[in-house]
Amino acid sequence: MLTATKTLSGLMGLCVGDALGVPVEFTSRAELAQSPVTKMLGYGTWNQPPGTWSDDSSLTFCLAESLCRGYSIDAIAHSFWRWYKAAYWTPRGEVFGIGESTYAVIMRLNQGVPPLEAGGTSEMSNGNGSLMRILPMAYCHQNLAFPELITRVHQVSCITHAHVRSQMACGIYISIAVALLKGANPQGAYLQGLENIQKVYTADEYLLEKPHFERVFSGEIAQLPITQINSDGYVIDTLEASLWCLLNSSTYAEAVLKAVNLGGHTDTTAAVTGGLAGIYYGVEGIPQQWFNQIARKQDIINLAHRFAVAVDY
């Protein structure tokens, strides 16, 4: 049985990582090496109070809320539109820092473009905007065969990021998250997740993209030196960085602070890391002070309860 504690672990793990990174987004690694983030800060890049999360968490919560009513690509896409137009699932009633790709897609959705045709398909459309919000799909694993789960993961990615590379990054991430939900430790989940997803990605349509994931599929991403880990907005860089941070840490706090202090896309790297770390270390592993500082904390707790009920049928 899936408990609300399990759903809250992932959702809040992602959100806290996101909020830690928001004030220093786009700060360089060299600057953060001189003055590393060690606690929940405020203001900075977006001039927001401590505990403010970004579109990463907003769109994650939109997805989880939609899944509470069943799986509907149209409903998920509509929730993204509501976020942008009506500040739905924003921390403080305003949207800030929306990515260019996501903005363009929301405009296309508003013009009536079907959700599965709205996402960018060019090689330049491989930002981290679908990976950052895909985590709730992992919780659907109990009720779907694995190939069907990954098909839906791909579809949810396609709403904003439809290139096969972005779909595959989401599929790999969810496969690892599912292994964590089943009780594996981070290293075990990484290897098991790769083994499970490899069976899906042997299909011809994925073969040309697989070389881009060579470092992830090696099973040895954790052994790379930090100088070879990038933390910009490219989806593969975000996937690699999040796995590297998770596998080279022994607590939730260590994992997300590592992610933030890589610099660059600090909120997204820490959110993607924090989702996995939250699942593994649990709600109790998230520092209480950080947890308490999060905007709309009770709303997130309530969502986690609704989501647990919805996916545990």
Protein backbone atom coordinates (compact mmCIF):
# COMPACT_ATOMS: atom_id res chain seq x y z
CA MET A 1 0.00 0.00 0.00
CA LEU A 2 1.26 3.45 -0.95
CA THR A 3 1.12 5.89 1.94
CA ALA A 4 0.90 9.67 1.81
CA THR A 5 4.32 9.69 3.48
CA LYS A 6 5.75 8.10 0.32
CA THR A 7 4.14 10.61 -2.01
CA LEU A 8 5.06 13.53 0.25
CA SER A 9 8.69 12.34 0.38
CA GLY A 10 9.08 12.76 -3.36
CA LEU A 11 6.97 15.89 -3.80
CA MET A 12 8.48 17.73 -0.85
CA GLY A 13 11.96 16.41 -1.61
CA LEU A 14 11.70 17.98 -5.06
CA CYS A 15 10.18 21.21 -3.77
CA VAL A 16 12.74 21.82 -1.02
CA GLY A 17 15.60 21.26 -3.47
CA ASP A 18 13.94 23.68 -5.88
CA ALA A 19 13.49 26.34 -3.18
CA LEU A 20 17.12 26.02 -2.06
CA GLY A 21 18.23 26.71 -5.62
CA VAL A 22 15.87 29.57 -6.53
CA PRO A 23 17.81 32.43 -4.87
CA VAL A 24 21.09 31.51 -6.58
CA GLU A 25 19.85 30.42 -10.01
CA PHE A 26 22.41 31.28 -12.74
CA THR A 27 25.16 31.85 -10.15
CA SER A 28 28.42 30.32 -11.32
CA ARG A 29 30.06 27.30 -9.72
CA ALA A 30 33.14 29.41 -8.98
CA GLU A 31 31.06 31.99 -7.10
CA LEU A 32 29.30 29.29 -5.10
CA ALA A 33 32.62 27.65 -4.26
CA GLN A 34 33.58 30.95 -2.59
CA SER A 35 30.22 31.31 -0.84
CA PRO A 36 28.36 27.96 -0.85
CA VAL A 37 24.69 27.59 -0.04
CA THR A 38 24.27 25.79 3.29
CA LYS A 39 20.72 26.77 4.25
CA MET A 40 17.42 28.07 2.88
CA LEU A 41 18.06 31.57 1.57
CA GLY A 42 15.75 34.22 0.12
CA TYR A 43 15.64 37.02 -2.42
CA GLY A 44 18.71 36.82 -4.67
CA THR A 45 18.06 36.06 -8.36
CA TRP A 46 14.26 36.32 -8.29
CA ASN A 47 13.84 38.53 -5.21
CA GLN A 48 11.56 36.00 -3.51
CA PRO A 49 11.24 35.21 0.22
CA PRO A 50 12.88 32.05 1.62
CA GLY A 51 10.95 28.87 0.85
CA THR A 52 9.73 30.05 -2.55
CA TRP A 53 9.70 27.37 -5.23
CA SER A 54 9.82 27.82 -8.99
CA ASP A 55 7.94 26.53 -12.03
CA ASP A 56 9.71 23.19 -11.48
CA SER A 57 7.58 22.48 -8.41
CA SER A 58 4.50 24.27 -9.77
CA LEU A 59 4.30 22.04 -12.84
CA THR A 60 5.12 18.96 -10.75
CA PHE A 61 2.17 19.75 -8.51
CA CYS A 62 -0.02 20.44 -11.55
CA LEU A 63 0.85 16.96 -12.85
CA ALA A 64 0.20 15.29 -9.48
CA GLU A 65 -3.11 17.13 -9.10
CA SER A 66 -4.20 16.06 -12.58
CA LEU A 67 -3.27 12.43 -11.86
CA CYS A 68 -5.55 12.54 -8.82
CA ARG A 69 -8.42 12.48 -11.33
CA GLY A 70 -6.92 9.81 -13.58
CA TYR A 71 -4.61 9.96 -16.55
CA SER A 72 -5.57 12.54 -19.17
CA ILE A 73 -3.03 14.32 -21.35
CA ASP A 74 -5.61 17.03 -22.07
CA ALA A 75 -6.19 17.63 -18.35
CA ILE A 76 -2.46 17.76 -17.63
CA ALA A 77 -1.92 20.25 -20.44
CA HIS A 78 -4.85 22.35 -19.22
CA SER A 79 -3.37 22.47 -15.73
CA PHE A 80 -0.14 23.86 -17.20
CA TRP A 81 -2.19 26.56 -18.93
CA ARG A 82 -3.96 27.36 -15.65
CA TRP A 83 -0.60 27.70 -13.94
CA TYR A 84 0.54 30.29 -16.44
CA LYS A 85 -2.75 32.14 -16.88
CA ALA A 86 -4.23 31.99 -13.37
CA ALA A 87 -1.16 31.39 -11.15
CA TYR A 88 -2.53 27.91 -10.32
CA TRP A 89 -0.11 26.03 -8.06
CA THR A 90 2.25 28.95 -7.66
CA PRO A 91 3.89 29.56 -4.27
CA ARG A 92 2.81 33.18 -3.86
CA GLY A 93 0.27 33.97 -6.57
CA GLU A 94 2.66 34.89 -9.36
CA VAL A 95 4.58 33.12 -12.12
CA PHE A 96 8.28 33.89 -12.45
CA GLY A 97 11.18 32.42 -14.41
CA ILE A 98 9.14 30.51 -17.01
CA GLY A 99 11.37 28.77 -19.56
CA GLU A 100 11.19 29.85 -23.18
CA SER A 101 10.23 26.40 -24.45
CA THR A 102 7.47 25.99 -21.89
CA TYR A 103 6.11 29.47 -22.62
CA ALA A 104 6.04 28.76 -26.37
CA VAL A 105 4.19 25.49 -25.78
CA ILE A 106 1.60 27.11 -23.53
CA MET A 107 0.91 29.67 -26.25
CA ARG A 108 0.45 26.82 -28.76
CA LEU A 109 -1.89 24.99 -26.39
CA ASN A 110 -3.93 28.15 -26.05
CA GLN A 111 -4.24 28.27 -29.83
CA GLY A 112 -5.76 24.80 -29.83
CA VAL A 113 -2.74 22.69 -30.74
CA PRO A 114 -3.26 19.15 -29.33
CA PRO A 115 -1.00 18.49 -26.31
CA LEU A 116 0.92 15.66 -27.96
CA GLU A 117 1.76 17.95 -30.88
CA ALA A 118 2.65 21.03 -28.83
CA GLY A 119 6.15 20.21 -27.57
CA GLY A 120 9.29 21.14 -29.43
CA THR A 121 10.85 18.40 -31.56
CA SER A 122 14.10 20.00 -32.74
CA GLU A 123 17.47 19.09 -31.28
CA MET A 124 17.53 22.53 -29.67
CA SER A 125 14.34 21.64 -27.78
CA ASN A 126 16.13 19.46 -25.23
CA GLY A 127 16.05 21.70 -22.20
CA ASN A 128 15.26 20.22 -18.78
CA GLY A 129 11.66 21.50 -18.65
CA SER A 130 9.95 18.10 -18.82
CA LEU A 131 12.46 16.23 -16.65
CA MET A 132 11.98 18.78 -13.86
CA ARG A 133 8.28 17.95 -13.47
CA ILE A 134 8.02 14.25 -14.41
CA LEU A 135 8.47 12.69 -10.93
CA PRO A 136 4.77 12.07 -10.10
CA MET A 137 4.60 9.52 -12.92
CA ALA A 138 6.83 7.17 -10.89
CA TYR A 139 4.00 6.69 -8.40
CA CYS A 140 1.79 5.18 -11.12
CA HIS A 141 4.04 2.12 -11.40
CA GLN A 142 1.83 -0.07 -9.19
CA ASN A 143 -1.07 -0.02 -11.62
CA LEU A 144 0.66 -0.18 -15.00
CA ALA A 145 2.93 -2.59 -16.80
CA PHE A 146 6.38 -1.02 -17.04
CA PRO A 147 6.31 -0.44 -20.84
CA GLU A 148 2.94 1.29 -20.53
CA LEU A 149 4.23 3.45 -17.70
CA ILE A 150 7.15 4.58 -19.84
CA THR A 151 4.83 5.26 -22.79
CA ARG A 152 2.84 7.61 -20.56
CA VAL A 153 6.03 9.21 -19.25
CA HIS A 154 7.00 9.93 -22.84
CA GLN A 155 3.58 11.41 -23.55
CA VAL A 156 3.75 13.70 -20.53
CA SER A 157 7.21 14.85 -21.62
CA CYS A 158 5.86 15.54 -25.12
CA ILE A 159 3.48 18.23 -23.88
CA THR A 160 6.44 20.59 -23.60
CA HIS A 161 9.49 18.61 -24.79
CA ALA A 162 8.75 16.10 -27.54
CA HIS A 163 12.24 15.29 -28.82
CA VAL A 164 13.08 11.62 -28.27
CA ARG A 165 16.11 12.62 -26.18
CA SER A 166 13.95 14.47 -23.66
CA GLN A 167 11.49 11.58 -23.55
CA MET A 168 14.32 9.13 -22.86
CA ALA A 169 15.81 11.30 -20.10
CA CYS A 170 12.41 11.26 -18.39
CA GLY A 171 12.10 7.51 -18.91
CA ILE A 172 15.50 6.79 -17.35
CA TYR A 173 14.76 9.07 -14.40
CA ILE A 174 11.37 7.48 -13.73
CA SER A 175 12.79 3.97 -14.02
CA ILE A 176 15.34 4.81 -11.31
CA ALA A 177 12.65 6.49 -9.17
CA VAL A 178 10.48 3.37 -9.40
CA ALA A 179 13.38 1.23 -8.18
CA LEU A 180 13.81 3.59 -5.22
CA LEU A 181 10.09 3.35 -4.46
CA LYS A 182 10.45 -0.44 -4.44
CA GLY A 183 13.09 -0.19 -1.73
CA ALA A 184 16.44 -0.17 -3.52
CA ASN A 185 19.29 2.00 -2.28
CA PRO A 186 20.56 4.74 -4.64
CA GLN A 187 23.31 2.66 -6.30
CA GLY A 188 21.02 -0.35 -6.60
CA ALA A 189 18.18 1.78 -7.96
CA TYR A 190 20.49 3.36 -10.51
CA LEU A 191 21.63 -0.03 -11.84
CA GLN A 192 18.18 -1.64 -11.64
CA GLY A 193 16.59 1.37 -13.29
CA LEU A 194 19.07 1.17 -16.16
CA GLU A 195 18.47 -2.57 -16.58
CA ASN A 196 14.70 -2.10 -16.72
CA ILE A 197 14.72 0.83 -19.13
CA GLN A 198 17.29 -0.77 -21.45
CA LYS A 199 14.62 -3.31 -22.39
CA VAL A 200 12.42 -0.47 -23.66
CA TYR A 201 15.19 1.45 -25.38
CA THR A 202 16.37 -1.44 -27.56
CA ALA A 203 13.65 -0.42 -30.05
CA ASP A 204 14.91 1.08 -33.31
CA GLU A 205 13.41 4.51 -32.64
CA TYR A 206 15.79 5.01 -29.69
CA LEU A 207 19.04 3.68 -31.14
CA LEU A 208 20.30 6.93 -32.64
CA GLU A 209 19.77 8.72 -29.33
CA LYS A 210 21.39 6.15 -27.05
CA PRO A 211 24.96 7.41 -27.57
CA HIS A 212 23.94 10.69 -25.94
CA PHE A 213 23.27 8.71 -22.76
CA GLU A 214 26.53 6.77 -22.84
CA ARG A 215 27.79 8.17 -19.52
CA VAL A 216 24.50 7.40 -17.77
CA PHE A 217 24.20 3.90 -19.26
CA SER A 218 27.79 3.10 -18.28
CA GLY A 219 26.55 2.53 -14.72
CA GLU A 220 29.51 4.60 -13.54
CA ILE A 221 28.21 8.17 -13.55
CA ALA A 222 29.16 8.53 -9.87
CA GLN A 223 32.85 7.98 -10.65
CA LEU A 224 33.16 11.08 -12.84
CA PRO A 225 35.04 14.02 -11.32
CA ILE A 226 32.97 17.10 -10.55
CA THR A 227 34.77 18.97 -13.33
CA GLN A 228 33.03 16.70 -15.85
CA ILE A 229 29.56 17.30 -14.40
CA ASN A 230 27.65 20.12 -16.09
CA SER A 231 24.72 21.92 -14.50
CA ASP A 232 23.22 23.99 -17.28
CA GLY A 233 19.75 23.67 -18.80
CA TYR A 234 20.46 20.75 -21.17
CA VAL A 235 18.32 17.75 -20.22
CA ILE A 236 21.17 15.21 -20.26
CA ASP A 237 23.37 17.47 -18.15
CA THR A 238 20.57 17.79 -15.59
CA LEU A 239 19.98 14.04 -15.53
CA GLU A 240 23.69 13.29 -15.12
CA ALA A 241 24.16 15.94 -12.45
CA SER A 242 21.19 14.77 -10.40
CA LEU A 243 22.35 11.16 -10.45
CA TRP A 244 25.91 12.20 -9.62
CA CYS A 245 24.73 14.23 -6.61
CA LEU A 246 22.45 11.45 -5.34
CA LEU A 247 25.10 8.75 -5.69
CA ASN A 248 27.85 10.82 -4.08
CA SER A 249 25.85 11.73 -0.95
CA SER A 250 24.74 9.99 2.20
CA THR A 251 21.91 12.32 3.31
CA TYR A 252 19.12 14.28 1.67
CA ALA A 253 20.70 17.60 2.67
CA GLU A 254 24.08 16.63 1.25
CA ALA A 255 22.52 15.60 -2.08
CA VAL A 256 20.50 18.77 -2.68
CA LEU A 257 23.22 21.14 -1.44
CA LYS A 258 25.68 19.42 -3.78
CA ALA A 259 23.23 20.05 -6.60
CA VAL A 260 22.69 23.72 -5.74
CA ASN A 261 26.40 24.39 -5.38
CA LEU A 262 27.12 23.05 -8.87
CA GLY A 263 25.80 26.44 -10.00
CA GLY A 264 23.93 27.31 -13.18
CA HIS A 265 20.40 25.89 -13.22
CA THR A 266 20.52 25.47 -9.45
CA ASP A 267 16.77 25.16 -8.86
CA THR A 268 16.20 22.45 -11.47
CA THR A 269 19.31 20.41 -10.70
CA ALA A 270 18.37 20.43 -7.02
CA ALA A 271 14.70 19.69 -7.73
CA VAL A 272 15.51 16.69 -9.92
CA THR A 273 18.05 15.48 -7.35
CA GLY A 274 15.68 16.22 -4.47
CA GLY A 275 12.85 14.14 -5.90
CA LEU A 276 15.00 11.01 -5.87
CA ALA A 277 16.69 11.85 -2.56
CA GLY A 278 13.32 12.59 -0.97
CA ILE A 279 12.00 9.16 -1.97
CA TYR A 280 15.06 7.41 -0.56
CA TYR A 281 15.65 9.34 2.67
CA GLY A 282 11.96 10.02 3.36
CA VAL A 283 10.21 13.08 4.73
CA GLU A 284 12.01 12.56 8.02
CA GLY A 285 15.31 12.92 6.18
CA ILE A 286 14.48 16.45 5.00
CA PRO A 287 15.75 19.02 7.54
CA GLN A 288 12.69 20.17 9.50
CA GLN A 289 13.67 23.84 9.29
CA TRP A 290 13.71 23.69 5.49
CA PHE A 291 10.43 21.79 5.42
CA ASN A 292 8.76 24.38 7.63
CA GLN A 293 9.95 27.29 5.48
CA ILE A 294 8.30 26.02 2.30
CA ALA A 295 5.52 28.21 0.91
CA ARG A 296 2.06 26.53 0.97
CA LYS A 297 3.46 23.63 3.00
CA GLN A 298 0.01 22.44 4.09
CA ASP A 299 -1.35 22.55 0.55
CA ILE A 300 1.51 20.29 -0.57
CA ILE A 301 0.83 17.89 2.32
CA ASN A 302 -2.86 17.80 1.36
CA LEU A 303 -1.97 17.14 -2.28
CA ALA A 304 0.30 14.27 -1.25
CA HIS A 305 -2.63 12.69 0.64
CA ARG A 306 -5.00 13.02 -2.34
CA PHE A 307 -2.35 11.72 -4.71
CA ALA A 308 -1.58 8.68 -2.54
CA VAL A 309 -5.26 7.71 -2.51
CA ALA A 310 -5.59 8.23 -6.26
CA VAL A 311 -2.61 6.09 -7.32
CA ASP A 312 -3.24 3.32 -4.76
CA TYR A 313 -6.51 2.05 -6.22
